[in-house]
PDB file of N, CA and C in Angstrom:
ATOM      1  N   MET A   1    -174.360  -0.577 189.177  1.00  0.00           N
ATOM      2  CA  MET A   1    -173.290  -1.408 188.701  1.00  0.00           C
ATOM      3  C   MET A   1    -173.068  -1.325 187.224  1.00  0.00           C
ATOM      4  N   PRO A   2    -171.785  -1.075 186.678  1.00  0.00           N
ATOM      5  CA  PRO A   2    -171.616  -1.011 185.253  1.00  0.00           C
ATOM      6  C   PRO A   2    -171.886  -2.308 184.525  1.00  0.00           C
ATOM      7  N   GLU A   3    -172.331  -2.283 183.318  1.00  0.00           N
ATOM      8  CA  GLU A   3    -172.679  -3.399 182.503  1.00  0.00           C
ATOM      9  C   GLU A   3    -171.340  -4.178 182.161  1.00  0.00           C
ATOM     10  N   ARG A   4    -171.354  -5.356 182.355  1.00  0.00           N
ATOM     11  CA  ARG A   4    -170.176  -6.297 182.019  1.00  0.00           C
ATOM     12  C   ARG A   4    -169.798  -6.153 180.588  1.00  0.00           C
ATOM     13  N   LYS A   5    -168.590  -6.180 180.285  1.00  0.00           N
ATOM     14  CA  LYS A   5    -168.150  -6.221 178.944  1.00  0.00           C
ATOM     15  C   LYS A   5    -168.471  -7.670 178.230  1.00  0.00           C
ATOM     16  N   HIS A   6    -168.703  -7.563 176.983  1.00  0.00           N
ATOM     17  CA  HIS A   6    -169.211  -8.785 176.240  1.00  0.00           C
ATOM     18  C   HIS A   6    -168.070  -9.363 175.394  1.00  0.00           C
ATOM     19  N   LEU A   7    -167.629 -10.538 175.756  1.00  0.00           N
ATOM     20  CA  LEU A   7    -166.687 -11.254 174.967  1.00  0.00           C
ATOM     21  C   LEU A   7    -167.256 -12.356 174.108  1.00  0.00           C
ATOM     22  N   LEU A   8    -166.808 -12.450 172.929  1.00  0.00           N
ATOM     23  CA  LEU A   8    -167.218 -13.604 171.957  1.00  0.00           C
ATOM     24  C   LEU A   8    -166.024 -14.533 171.869  1.00  0.00           C
ATOM     25  N   THR A   9    -166.266 -15.739 172.133  1.00  0.00           N
ATOM     26  CA  THR A   9    -165.192 -16.765 171.974  1.00  0.00           C
ATOM     27  C   THR A   9    -165.598 -17.686 170.912  1.00  0.00           C
ATOM     28  N   ILE A  10    -164.687 -17.947 169.889  1.00  0.00           N
ATOM     29  CA  ILE A  10    -164.821 -18.797 168.751  1.00  0.00           C
ATOM     30  C   ILE A  10    -163.749 -19.956 168.709  1.00  0.00           C
ATOM     31  N   ASP A  11    -164.165 -21.116 168.775  1.00  0.00           N
ATOM     32  CA  ASP A  11    -163.265 -22.269 168.727  1.00  0.00           C
ATOM     33  C   ASP A  11    -163.952 -23.431 168.299  1.00  0.00           C
ATOM     34  N   ASP A  12    -163.311 -24.447 167.624  1.00  0.00           N
ATOM     35  CA  ASP A  12    -163.862 -25.638 167.113  1.00  0.00           C
ATOM     36  C   ASP A  12    -163.879 -26.677 168.208  1.00  0.00           C
ATOM     37  N   SER A  13    -163.529 -26.394 169.499  1.00  0.00           N
ATOM     38  CA  SER A  13    -163.506 -27.348 170.572  1.00  0.00           C
ATOM     39  C   SER A  13    -164.542 -26.917 171.687  1.00  0.00           C
ATOM     40  N   HIS A  14    -165.442 -27.817 171.896  1.00  0.00           N
ATOM     41  CA  HIS A  14    -166.315 -27.612 173.023  1.00  0.00           C
ATOM     42  C   HIS A  14    -165.724 -27.405 174.192  1.00  0.00           C
ATOM     43  N   THR A  15    -164.690 -28.265 174.516  1.00  0.00           N
ATOM     44  CA  THR A  15    -163.932 -28.311 175.788  1.00  0.00           C
ATOM     45  C   THR A  15    -163.240 -26.752 176.021  1.00  0.00           C
ATOM     46  N   VAL A  16    -162.619 -26.278 175.041  1.00  0.00           N
ATOM     47  CA  VAL A  16    -162.060 -24.869 175.039  1.00  0.00           C
ATOM     48  C   VAL A  16    -163.085 -23.915 175.255  1.00  0.00           C
ATOM     49  N   LEU A  17    -164.232 -24.037 174.586  1.00  0.00           N
ATOM     50  CA  LEU A  17    -165.274 -22.905 174.656  1.00  0.00           C
ATOM     51  C   LEU A  17    -165.932 -22.994 176.145  1.00  0.00           C
ATOM     52  N   GLU A  18    -166.139 -24.230 176.746  1.00  0.00           N
ATOM     53  CA  GLU A  18    -166.642 -24.284 177.935  1.00  0.00           C
ATOM     54  C   GLU A  18    -165.631 -23.748 179.051  1.00  0.00           C
ATOM     55  N   PHE A  19    -164.352 -24.123 178.812  1.00  0.00           N
ATOM     56  CA  PHE A  19    -163.329 -23.679 179.902  1.00  0.00           C
ATOM     57  C   PHE A  19    -163.269 -22.122 179.775  1.00  0.00           C
ATOM     58  N   LEU A  20    -163.294 -21.494 178.627  1.00  0.00           N
ATOM     59  CA  LEU A  20    -163.255 -20.068 178.589  1.00  0.00           C
ATOM     60  C   LEU A  20    -164.436 -19.510 179.087  1.00  0.00           C
ATOM     61  N   ARG A  21    -165.631 -20.025 178.929  1.00  0.00           N
ATOM     62  CA  ARG A  21    -166.880 -19.506 179.491  1.00  0.00           C
ATOM     63  C   ARG A  21    -166.826 -19.511 180.948  1.00  0.00           C
ATOM     64  N   ARG A  22    -166.391 -20.691 181.657  1.00  0.00           N
ATOM     65  CA  ARG A  22    -166.215 -20.763 183.006  1.00  0.00           C
ATOM     66  C   ARG A  22    -165.245 -19.858 183.636  1.00  0.00           C
ATOM     67  N   LEU A  23    -164.117 -19.717 182.945  1.00  0.00           N
ATOM     68  CA  LEU A  23    -163.062 -18.820 183.421  1.00  0.00           C
ATOM     69  C   LEU A  23    -163.418 -17.497 183.346  1.00  0.00           C
ATOM     70  N   LEU A  24    -164.048 -16.947 182.458  1.00  0.00           N
ATOM     71  CA  LEU A  24    -164.451 -15.532 182.096  1.00  0.00           C
ATOM     72  C   LEU A  24    -165.749 -15.064 182.555  1.00  0.00           C
ATOM     73  N   SER A  25    -166.741 -15.934 182.631  1.00  0.00           N
ATOM     74  CA  SER A  25    -168.033 -15.464 182.920  1.00  0.00           C
ATOM     75  C   SER A  25    -168.300 -14.820 184.310  1.00  0.00           C
ATOM     76  N   PRO A  26    -167.399 -15.098 185.319  1.00  0.00           N
ATOM     77  CA  PRO A  26    -167.531 -14.284 186.610  1.00  0.00           C
ATOM     78  C   PRO A  26    -167.466 -12.832 186.360  1.00  0.00           C
ATOM     79  N   LYS A  27    -166.700 -12.463 185.398  1.00  0.00           N
ATOM     80  CA  LYS A  27    -166.266 -10.968 185.176  1.00  0.00           C
ATOM     81  C   LYS A  27    -166.997 -10.377 183.946  1.00  0.00           C
ATOM     82  N   TYR A  28    -167.218 -11.290 183.003  1.00  0.00           N
ATOM     83  CA  TYR A  28    -167.658 -10.763 181.580  1.00  0.00           C
ATOM     84  C   TYR A  28    -168.889 -11.508 181.248  1.00  0.00           C
ATOM     85  N   ARG A  29    -169.664 -10.987 180.271  1.00  0.00           N
ATOM     86  CA  ARG A  29    -170.711 -11.761 179.657  1.00  0.00           C
ATOM     87  C   ARG A  29    -169.952 -12.460 178.414  1.00  0.00           C
ATOM     88  N   VAL A  30    -170.172 -13.640 178.344  1.00  0.00           N
ATOM     89  CA  VAL A  30    -169.489 -14.498 177.331  1.00  0.00           C
ATOM     90  C   VAL A  30    -170.403 -15.203 176.475  1.00  0.00           C
ATOM     91  N   SER A  31    -170.125 -14.970 175.125  1.00  0.00           N
ATOM     92  CA  SER A  31    -170.946 -15.723 174.045  1.00  0.00           C
ATOM     93  C   SER A  31    -169.996 -16.715 173.469  1.00  0.00           C
ATOM     94  N   VAL A  32    -170.385 -17.805 173.001  1.00  0.00           N
ATOM     95  CA  VAL A  32    -169.431 -18.820 172.338  1.00  0.00           C
ATOM     96  C   VAL A  32    -169.979 -19.288 171.009  1.00  0.00           C
ATOM     97  N   SER A  33    -169.105 -19.702 170.099  1.00  0.00           N
ATOM     98  CA  SER A  33    -169.412 -20.186 168.818  1.00  0.00           C
ATOM     99  C   SER A  33    -168.467 -21.278 168.415  1.00  0.00           C
ATOM    100  N   LEU A  34    -169.008 -22.410 167.969  1.00  0.00           N
ATOM    101  CA  LEU A  34    -168.038 -23.423 167.426  1.00  0.00           C
ATOM    102  C   LEU A  34    -167.575 -23.199 166.026  1.00  0.00           C
ATOM    103  N   THR A  35    -168.135 -22.250 165.307  1.00  0.00           N
ATOM    104  CA  THR A  35    -167.746 -21.955 163.877  1.00  0.00           C
ATOM    105  C   THR A  35    -167.613 -20.412 163.775  1.00  0.00           C
ATOM    106  N   ALA A  36    -166.749 -20.006 162.747  1.00  0.00           N
ATOM    107  CA  ALA A  36    -166.627 -18.621 162.385  1.00  0.00           C
ATOM    108  C   ALA A  36    -167.912 -18.107 161.903  1.00  0.00           C
ATOM    109  N   MET A  37    -168.689 -18.769 161.117  1.00  0.00           N
ATOM    110  CA  MET A  37    -169.992 -18.383 160.685  1.00  0.00           C
ATOM    111  C   MET A  37    -170.814 -18.003 161.789  1.00  0.00           C
ATOM    112  N   GLY A  38    -170.975 -18.862 162.830  1.00  0.00           N
ATOM    113  CA  GLY A  38    -171.712 -18.564 163.967  1.00  0.00           C
ATOM    114  C   GLY A  38    -171.311 -17.395 164.780  1.00  0.00           C
ATOM    115  N   GLY A  39    -169.956 -17.222 164.770  1.00  0.00           N
ATOM    116  CA  GLY A  39    -169.435 -16.034 165.393  1.00  0.00           C
ATOM    117  C   GLY A  39    -169.802 -14.673 164.625  1.00  0.00           C
ATOM    118  N   PHE A  40    -169.759 -14.781 163.329  1.00  0.00           N
ATOM    119  CA  PHE A  40    -170.078 -13.767 162.477  1.00  0.00           C
ATOM    120  C   PHE A  40    -171.645 -13.310 162.746  1.00  0.00           C
ATOM    121  N   GLU A  41    -172.548 -14.334 162.925  1.00  0.00           N
ATOM    122  CA  GLU A  41    -173.863 -14.036 163.214  1.00  0.00           C
ATOM    123  C   GLU A  41    -174.037 -13.265 164.640  1.00  0.00           C
ATOM    124  N   ILE A  42    -173.243 -13.650 165.589  1.00  0.00           N
ATOM    125  CA  ILE A  42    -173.354 -13.049 166.893  1.00  0.00           C
ATOM    126  C   ILE A  42    -172.906 -11.647 166.824  1.00  0.00           C
ATOM    127  N   LEU A  43    -171.837 -11.402 166.030  1.00  0.00           N
ATOM    128  CA  LEU A  43    -171.232 -10.133 165.823  1.00  0.00           C
ATOM    129  C   LEU A  43    -172.311  -9.134 165.203  1.00  0.00           C
ATOM    130  N   GLU A  44    -173.006  -9.580 164.226  1.00  0.00           N
ATOM    131  CA  GLU A  44    -173.935  -8.771 163.455  1.00  0.00           C
ATOM    132  C   GLU A  44    -175.257  -8.618 164.433  1.00  0.00           C
ATOM    133  N   LYS A  45    -175.597  -9.339 165.249  1.00  0.00           N
ATOM    134  CA  LYS A  45    -176.708  -9.190 166.120  1.00  0.00           C
ATOM    135  C   LYS A  45    -176.469  -8.521 167.483  1.00  0.00           C
ATOM    136  N   GLU A  46    -175.280  -8.670 167.944  1.00  0.00           N
ATOM    137  CA  GLU A  46    -175.115  -8.139 169.440  1.00  0.00           C
ATOM    138  C   GLU A  46    -173.773  -7.266 169.464  1.00  0.00           C
ATOM    139  N   ALA A  47    -173.787  -6.396 170.367  1.00  0.00           N
ATOM    140  CA  ALA A  47    -172.635  -5.486 170.686  1.00  0.00           C
ATOM    141  C   ALA A  47    -171.628  -6.324 171.410  1.00  0.00           C
ATOM    142  N   VAL A  48    -170.458  -6.540 170.808  1.00  0.00           N
ATOM    143  CA  VAL A  48    -169.429  -7.294 171.435  1.00  0.00           C
ATOM    144  C   VAL A  48    -168.114  -6.355 171.670  1.00  0.00           C
ATOM    145  N   ASP A  49    -167.437  -6.530 172.742  1.00  0.00           N
ATOM    146  CA  ASP A  49    -166.365  -5.733 173.126  1.00  0.00           C
ATOM    147  C   ASP A  49    -164.989  -6.225 172.858  1.00  0.00           C
ATOM    148  N   LEU A  50    -164.979  -7.678 172.678  1.00  0.00           N
ATOM    149  CA  LEU A  50    -163.631  -8.350 172.361  1.00  0.00           C
ATOM    150  C   LEU A  50    -163.986  -9.713 171.793  1.00  0.00           C
ATOM    151  N   VAL A  51    -163.117 -10.124 170.838  1.00  0.00           N
ATOM    152  CA  VAL A  51    -163.348 -11.428 170.220  1.00  0.00           C
ATOM    153  C   VAL A  51    -162.071 -12.238 170.557  1.00  0.00           C
ATOM    154  N   ILE A  52    -162.265 -13.349 171.036  1.00  0.00           N
ATOM    155  CA  ILE A  52    -161.191 -14.416 171.222  1.00  0.00           C
ATOM    156  C   ILE A  52    -161.378 -15.576 170.233  1.00  0.00           C
ATOM    157  N   THR A  53    -160.512 -15.815 169.365  1.00  0.00           N
ATOM    158  CA  THR A  53    -160.693 -16.858 168.290  1.00  0.00           C
ATOM    159  C   THR A  53    -159.560 -17.816 168.341  1.00  0.00           C
ATOM    160  N   GLY A  54    -159.777 -19.107 168.017  1.00  0.00           N
ATOM    161  CA  GLY A  54    -158.848 -20.154 167.654  1.00  0.00           C
ATOM    162  C   GLY A  54    -158.329 -19.790 166.276  1.00  0.00           C
ATOM    163  N   TYR A  55    -157.409 -20.631 165.907  1.00  0.00           N
ATOM    164  CA  TYR A  55    -156.832 -20.448 164.564  1.00  0.00           C
ATOM    165  C   TYR A  55    -157.446 -21.471 163.590  1.00  0.00           C
ATOM    166  N   ASN A  56    -157.341 -22.750 163.917  1.00  0.00           N
ATOM    167  CA  ASN A  56    -157.981 -23.801 163.175  1.00  0.00           C
ATOM    168  C   ASN A  56    -159.377 -23.991 163.452  1.00  0.00           C
ATOM    169  N   LEU A  57    -160.368 -23.430 162.705  1.00  0.00           N
ATOM    170  CA  LEU A  57    -161.684 -23.505 163.077  1.00  0.00           C
ATOM    171  C   LEU A  57    -162.534 -24.504 162.297  1.00  0.00           C
ATOM    172  N   SER A  58    -162.362 -24.554 161.021  1.00  0.00           N
ATOM    173  CA  SER A  58    -163.093 -25.520 160.203  1.00  0.00           C
ATOM    174  C   SER A  58    -162.446 -25.551 158.934  1.00  0.00           C
ATOM    175  N   ILE A  59    -163.055 -26.383 158.023  1.00  0.00           N
ATOM    176  CA  ILE A  59    -162.444 -26.451 156.594  1.00  0.00           C
ATOM    177  C   ILE A  59    -162.500 -25.219 155.869  1.00  0.00           C
ATOM    178  N   ASP A  60    -163.542 -24.364 156.148  1.00  0.00           N
ATOM    179  CA  ASP A  60    -163.684 -23.141 155.165  1.00  0.00           C
ATOM    180  C   ASP A  60    -163.407 -21.875 155.852  1.00  0.00           C
ATOM    181  N   HIS A  61    -163.035 -21.917 157.158  1.00  0.00           N
ATOM    182  CA  HIS A  61    -162.632 -20.592 157.826  1.00  0.00           C
ATOM    183  C   HIS A  61    -161.522 -20.900 158.679  1.00  0.00           C
ATOM    184  N   SER A  62    -160.760 -19.821 159.011  1.00  0.00           N
ATOM    185  CA  SER A  62    -159.664 -19.811 159.973  1.00  0.00           C
ATOM    186  C   SER A  62    -159.832 -18.662 160.998  1.00  0.00           C
ATOM    187  N   GLY A  63    -159.074 -18.578 161.998  1.00  0.00           N
ATOM    188  CA  GLY A  63    -158.928 -17.405 162.882  1.00  0.00           C
ATOM    189  C   GLY A  63    -158.548 -16.217 162.128  1.00  0.00           C
ATOM    190  N   LEU A  64    -157.839 -16.316 161.054  1.00  0.00           N
ATOM    191  CA  LEU A  64    -157.350 -15.195 160.332  1.00  0.00           C
ATOM    192  C   LEU A  64    -158.565 -14.618 159.478  1.00  0.00           C
ATOM    193  N   ASP A  65    -159.423 -15.570 159.132  1.00  0.00           N
ATOM    194  CA  ASP A  65    -160.704 -15.071 158.418  1.00  0.00           C
ATOM    195  C   ASP A  65    -161.577 -14.354 159.396  1.00  0.00           C
ATOM    196  N   VAL A  66    -161.646 -14.803 160.700  1.00  0.00           N
ATOM    197  CA  VAL A  66    -162.307 -14.017 161.779  1.00  0.00           C
ATOM    198  C   VAL A  66    -161.812 -12.767 161.926  1.00  0.00           C
ATOM    199  N   LEU A  67    -160.444 -12.611 161.985  1.00  0.00           N
ATOM    200  CA  LEU A  67    -159.689 -11.341 162.237  1.00  0.00           C
ATOM    201  C   LEU A  67    -159.949 -10.449 161.058  1.00  0.00           C
ATOM    202  N   ASP A  68    -159.914 -10.851 159.813  1.00  0.00           N
ATOM    203  CA  ASP A  68    -160.247 -10.085 158.698  1.00  0.00           C
ATOM    204  C   ASP A  68    -161.545  -9.585 158.623  1.00  0.00           C
ATOM    205  N   PHE A  69    -162.543 -10.446 159.036  1.00  0.00           N
ATOM    206  CA  PHE A  69    -163.901 -10.056 158.927  1.00  0.00           C
ATOM    207  C   PHE A  69    -164.139  -8.944 160.070  1.00  0.00           C
ATOM    208  N   VAL A  70    -163.528  -9.137 161.151  1.00  0.00           N
ATOM    209  CA  VAL A  70    -163.664  -8.087 162.274  1.00  0.00           C
ATOM    210  C   VAL A  70    -163.085  -6.811 161.859  1.00  0.00           C
ATOM    211  N   ARG A  71    -161.904  -6.875 161.190  1.00  0.00           N
ATOM    212  CA  ARG A  71    -161.198  -5.559 160.814  1.00  0.00           C
ATOM    213  C   ARG A  71    -162.070  -4.877 159.779  1.00  0.00           C
ATOM    214  N   GLU A  72    -162.563  -5.645 158.800  1.00  0.00           N
ATOM    215  CA  GLU A  72    -163.407  -5.033 157.673  1.00  0.00           C
ATOM    216  C   GLU A  72    -164.783  -4.452 158.164  1.00  0.00           C
ATOM    217  N   LYS A  73    -165.373  -5.185 159.003  1.00  0.00           N
ATOM    218  CA  LYS A  73    -166.792  -4.730 159.489  1.00  0.00           C
ATOM    219  C   LYS A  73    -166.788  -3.776 160.779  1.00  0.00           C
ATOM    220  N   TYR A  74    -165.815  -4.081 161.717  1.00  0.00           N
ATOM    221  CA  TYR A  74    -165.836  -3.520 163.024  1.00  0.00           C
ATOM    222  C   TYR A  74    -164.507  -2.717 163.382  1.00  0.00           C
ATOM    223  N   GLY A  75    -163.677  -2.612 162.364  1.00  0.00           N
ATOM    224  CA  GLY A  75    -162.437  -1.737 162.616  1.00  0.00           C
ATOM    225  C   GLY A  75    -161.551  -2.105 163.682  1.00  0.00           C
ATOM    226  N   ASP A  76    -161.437  -1.386 164.663  1.00  0.00           N
ATOM    227  CA  ASP A  76    -160.483  -1.693 165.854  1.00  0.00           C
ATOM    228  C   ASP A  76    -161.047  -2.536 166.989  1.00  0.00           C
ATOM    229  N   LEU A  77    -162.033  -3.249 166.808  1.00  0.00           N
ATOM    230  CA  LEU A  77    -162.715  -4.214 167.797  1.00  0.00           C
ATOM    231  C   LEU A  77    -161.532  -5.047 168.198  1.00  0.00           C
ATOM    232  N   PRO A  78    -161.150  -5.214 169.468  1.00  0.00           N
ATOM    233  CA  PRO A  78    -160.029  -6.065 169.896  1.00  0.00           C
ATOM    234  C   PRO A  78    -160.340  -7.597 169.493  1.00  0.00           C
ATOM    235  N   VAL A  79    -159.261  -8.153 169.085  1.00  0.00           N
ATOM    236  CA  VAL A  79    -159.296  -9.604 168.747  1.00  0.00           C
ATOM    237  C   VAL A  79    -158.019 -10.172 169.432  1.00  0.00           C
ATOM    238  N   ILE A  80    -158.192 -11.378 169.994  1.00  0.00           N
ATOM    239  CA  ILE A  80    -157.136 -12.139 170.457  1.00  0.00           C
ATOM    240  C   ILE A  80    -157.134 -13.497 169.784  1.00  0.00           C
ATOM    241  N   MET A  81    -156.031 -13.978 169.181  1.00  0.00           N
ATOM    242  CA  MET A  81    -155.922 -15.230 168.670  1.00  0.00           C
ATOM    243  C   MET A  81    -155.330 -16.153 169.783  1.00  0.00           C
ATOM    244  N   LEU A  82    -156.117 -17.169 170.059  1.00  0.00           N
ATOM    245  CA  LEU A  82    -155.680 -18.111 171.081  1.00  0.00           C
ATOM    246  C   LEU A  82    -155.585 -19.388 170.421  1.00  0.00           C
ATOM    247  N   THR A  83    -154.406 -19.846 170.244  1.00  0.00           N
ATOM    248  CA  THR A  83    -154.177 -21.118 169.421  1.00  0.00           C
ATOM    249  C   THR A  83    -153.188 -22.083 169.842  1.00  0.00           C
ATOM    250  N   GLY A  84    -153.226 -23.286 169.436  1.00  0.00           N
ATOM    251  CA  GLY A  84    -152.300 -24.332 169.753  1.00  0.00           C
ATOM    252  C   GLY A  84    -151.098 -24.336 168.785  1.00  0.00           C
ATOM    253  N   TRP A  85    -151.333 -23.506 167.668  1.00  0.00           N
ATOM    254  CA  TRP A  85    -150.305 -23.429 166.602  1.00  0.00           C
ATOM    255  C   TRP A  85    -149.456 -22.220 166.884  1.00  0.00           C
ATOM    256  N   ASN A  86    -148.363 -22.284 167.588  1.00  0.00           N
ATOM    257  CA  ASN A  86    -147.587 -21.092 168.040  1.00  0.00           C
ATOM    258  C   ASN A  86    -146.437 -20.855 167.017  1.00  0.00           C
ATOM    259  N   ALA A  87    -146.856 -20.544 165.817  1.00  0.00           N
ATOM    260  CA  ALA A  87    -145.923 -20.396 164.717  1.00  0.00           C
ATOM    261  C   ALA A  87    -145.504 -18.787 164.637  1.00  0.00           C
ATOM    262  N   PRO A  88    -144.246 -18.548 164.563  1.00  0.00           N
ATOM    263  CA  PRO A  88    -143.739 -17.143 164.565  1.00  0.00           C
ATOM    264  C   PRO A  88    -144.485 -16.325 163.490  1.00  0.00           C
ATOM    265  N   GLU A  89    -144.765 -16.881 162.217  1.00  0.00           N
ATOM    266  CA  GLU A  89    -145.304 -16.171 161.303  1.00  0.00           C
ATOM    267  C   GLU A  89    -146.746 -15.790 161.427  1.00  0.00           C
ATOM    268  N   LEU A  90    -147.564 -16.747 162.184  1.00  0.00           N
ATOM    269  CA  LEU A  90    -148.988 -16.406 162.618  1.00  0.00           C
ATOM    270  C   LEU A  90    -148.939 -15.347 163.551  1.00  0.00           C
ATOM    271  N   ARG A  91    -147.949 -15.389 164.501  1.00  0.00           N
ATOM    272  CA  ARG A  91    -147.819 -14.395 165.621  1.00  0.00           C
ATOM    273  C   ARG A  91    -147.585 -12.922 164.959  1.00  0.00           C
ATOM    274  N   GLU A  92    -146.646 -13.003 164.022  1.00  0.00           N
ATOM    275  CA  GLU A  92    -146.376 -11.679 163.396  1.00  0.00           C
ATOM    276  C   GLU A  92    -147.533 -11.101 162.462  1.00  0.00           C
ATOM    277  N   GLU A  93    -148.292 -12.119 161.794  1.00  0.00           N
ATOM    278  CA  GLU A  93    -149.446 -11.640 161.081  1.00  0.00           C
ATOM    279  C   GLU A  93    -150.546 -11.032 161.940  1.00  0.00           C
ATOM    280  N   CYS A  94    -150.761 -11.662 163.020  1.00  0.00           N
ATOM    281  CA  CYS A  94    -151.762 -11.185 164.017  1.00  0.00           C
ATOM    282  C   CYS A  94    -151.262  -9.650 164.544  1.00  0.00           C
ATOM    283  N   LYS A  95    -150.019  -9.640 164.870  1.00  0.00           N
ATOM    284  CA  LYS A  95    -149.465  -8.358 165.303  1.00  0.00           C
ATOM    285  C   LYS A  95    -149.678  -7.288 164.327  1.00  0.00           C
ATOM    286  N   ARG A  96    -149.379  -7.635 163.040  1.00  0.00           N
ATOM    287  CA  ARG A  96    -149.435  -6.717 161.924  1.00  0.00           C
ATOM    288  C   ARG A  96    -150.944  -6.244 161.719  1.00  0.00           C
ATOM    289  N   LYS A  97    -151.805  -7.074 162.004  1.00  0.00           N
ATOM    290  CA  LYS A  97    -153.291  -6.841 161.831  1.00  0.00           C
ATOM    291  C   LYS A  97    -153.928  -6.246 163.125  1.00  0.00           C
ATOM    292  N   GLY A  98    -153.082  -5.927 164.126  1.00  0.00           N
ATOM    293  CA  GLY A  98    -153.507  -5.380 165.330  1.00  0.00           C
ATOM    294  C   GLY A  98    -154.233  -6.346 166.306  1.00  0.00           C
ATOM    295  N   ALA A  99    -153.909  -7.626 166.254  1.00  0.00           N
ATOM    296  CA  ALA A  99    -154.526  -8.490 167.133  1.00  0.00           C
ATOM    297  C   ALA A  99    -153.527  -9.115 168.215  1.00  0.00           C
ATOM    298  N   GLY A 100    -154.128  -9.443 169.425  1.00  0.00           N
ATOM    299  CA  GLY A 100    -153.335 -10.125 170.449  1.00  0.00           C
ATOM    300  C   GLY A 100    -153.084 -11.553 170.044  1.00  0.00           C
ATOM    301  N   PHE A 101    -152.126 -12.175 170.494  1.00  0.00           N
ATOM    302  CA  PHE A 101    -151.736 -13.545 170.192  1.00  0.00           C
ATOM    303  C   PHE A 101    -151.351 -14.268 171.495  1.00  0.00           C
ATOM    304  N   LEU A 102    -151.889 -15.382 171.662  1.00  0.00           N
ATOM    305  CA  LEU A 102    -151.503 -16.231 172.863  1.00  0.00           C
ATOM    306  C   LEU A 102    -151.557 -17.749 172.392  1.00  0.00           C
ATOM    307  N   ALA A 103    -150.594 -18.568 172.853  1.00  0.00           N
ATOM    308  CA  ALA A 103    -150.739 -19.984 172.769  1.00  0.00           C
ATOM    309  C   ALA A 103    -151.670 -20.537 173.679  1.00  0.00           C
ATOM    310  N   LYS A 104    -152.318 -21.616 173.400  1.00  0.00           N
ATOM    311  CA  LYS A 104    -153.352 -22.140 174.279  1.00  0.00           C
ATOM    312  C   LYS A 104    -152.659 -22.769 175.530  1.00  0.00           C
ATOM    313  N   THR A 105    -151.262 -22.888 175.528  1.00  0.00           N
ATOM    314  CA  THR A 105    -150.648 -23.298 176.656  1.00  0.00           C
ATOM    315  C   THR A 105    -150.179 -22.139 177.578  1.00  0.00           C
ATOM    316  N   CYS A 106    -150.758 -20.934 177.280  1.00  0.00           N
ATOM    317  CA  CYS A 106    -150.391 -19.819 178.105  1.00  0.00           C
ATOM    318  C   CYS A 106    -150.909 -19.965 179.571  1.00  0.00           C
ATOM    319  N   ASP A 107    -150.278 -19.103 180.330  1.00  0.00           N
ATOM    320  CA  ASP A 107    -150.730 -18.978 181.752  1.00  0.00           C
ATOM    321  C   ASP A 107    -152.098 -18.268 181.807  1.00  0.00           C
ATOM    322  N   LEU A 108    -152.931 -18.657 182.655  1.00  0.00           N
ATOM    323  CA  LEU A 108    -154.222 -18.123 182.810  1.00  0.00           C
ATOM    324  C   LEU A 108    -154.219 -16.675 183.106  1.00  0.00           C
ATOM    325  N   GLU A 109    -153.257 -16.284 183.958  1.00  0.00           N
ATOM    326  CA  GLU A 109    -153.153 -14.843 184.273  1.00  0.00           C
ATOM    327  C   GLU A 109    -152.775 -14.025 183.072  1.00  0.00           C
ATOM    328  N   GLU A 110    -151.986 -14.686 182.156  1.00  0.00           N
ATOM    329  CA  GLU A 110    -151.561 -13.941 180.937  1.00  0.00           C
ATOM    330  C   GLU A 110    -152.673 -13.691 180.081  1.00  0.00           C
ATOM    331  N   LEU A 111    -153.600 -14.624 180.018  1.00  0.00           N
ATOM    332  CA  LEU A 111    -154.779 -14.477 179.190  1.00  0.00           C
ATOM    333  C   LEU A 111    -155.573 -13.341 179.730  1.00  0.00           C
ATOM    334  N   LYS A 112    -155.898 -13.498 181.037  1.00  0.00           N
ATOM    335  CA  LYS A 112    -156.647 -12.376 181.735  1.00  0.00           C
ATOM    336  C   LYS A 112    -156.064 -11.000 181.595  1.00  0.00           C
ATOM    337  N   GLY A 113    -154.759 -11.025 181.682  1.00  0.00           N
ATOM    338  CA  GLY A 113    -154.038  -9.680 181.486  1.00  0.00           C
ATOM    339  C   GLY A 113    -154.202  -9.133 180.073  1.00  0.00           C
ATOM    340  N   LEU A 114    -154.084  -9.957 179.115  1.00  0.00           N
ATOM    341  CA  LEU A 114    -154.240  -9.536 177.664  1.00  0.00           C
ATOM    342  C   LEU A 114    -155.593  -9.058 177.355  1.00  0.00           C
ATOM    343  N   ILE A 115    -156.508  -9.858 177.872  1.00  0.00           N
ATOM    344  CA  ILE A 115    -157.979  -9.334 177.709  1.00  0.00           C
ATOM    345  C   ILE A 115    -158.137  -7.989 178.333  1.00  0.00           C
ATOM    346  N   GLU A 116    -157.680  -7.732 179.557  1.00  0.00           N
ATOM    347  CA  GLU A 116    -157.741  -6.367 180.164  1.00  0.00           C
ATOM    348  C   GLU A 116    -156.992  -5.282 179.353  1.00  0.00           C
ATOM    349  N   LYS A 117    -155.824  -5.575 178.861  1.00  0.00           N
ATOM    350  CA  LYS A 117    -155.149  -4.840 178.029  1.00  0.00           C
ATOM    351  C   LYS A 117    -155.893  -4.336 176.813  1.00  0.00           C
ATOM    352  N   GLU A 118    -156.302  -5.345 176.077  1.00  0.00           N
ATOM    353  CA  GLU A 118    -157.104  -5.148 174.835  1.00  0.00           C
ATOM    354  C   GLU A 118    -158.410  -4.325 175.085  1.00  0.00           C
ATOM    355  N   LEU A 119    -159.078  -4.634 176.106  1.00  0.00           N
ATOM    356  CA  LEU A 119    -160.227  -3.862 176.373  1.00  0.00           C
ATOM    357  C   LEU A 119    -159.996  -2.448 176.778  1.00  0.00           C
ATOM    358  N   ALA A 120    -158.778  -2.186 177.332  1.00  0.00           N
ATOM    359  CA  ALA A 120    -158.506  -0.776 177.781  1.00  0.00           C
ATOM    360  C   ALA A 120    -158.090   0.103 176.631  1.00  0.00           C
ATOM    361  N   GLN A 121    -157.702  -0.491 175.513  1.00  0.00           N
ATOM    362  CA  GLN A 121    -157.267   0.358 174.299  1.00  0.00           C
ATOM    363  C   GLN A 121    -158.323   0.949 173.631  1.00  0.00           C
TER     364      GLN A 121
END
């Protein structure tokens, strides 16, 4: 049996992290972090296949900081911004930086489909 892909989810909400873990863990290995710094530590210690991050994470880091860190250290590692802030300028910045973008109000099948698409690239 092939090894399951490893997803890292970063969000400042316990509820969102637990929901994503339950939704995705039947198919993927899922690590979670409440902070960008915790996510950075996981990235440095473990092989991760895709990062899902919120936008508003804490006072000193945002999802864009996570995206920039991933691009600087891990190149084309897939990143999906999953956020409640569905602003066109944020969507465009994510697209320009090669990241997927979904509003937290998205359809669950849409999220699963974007994960599959990003992992396939």
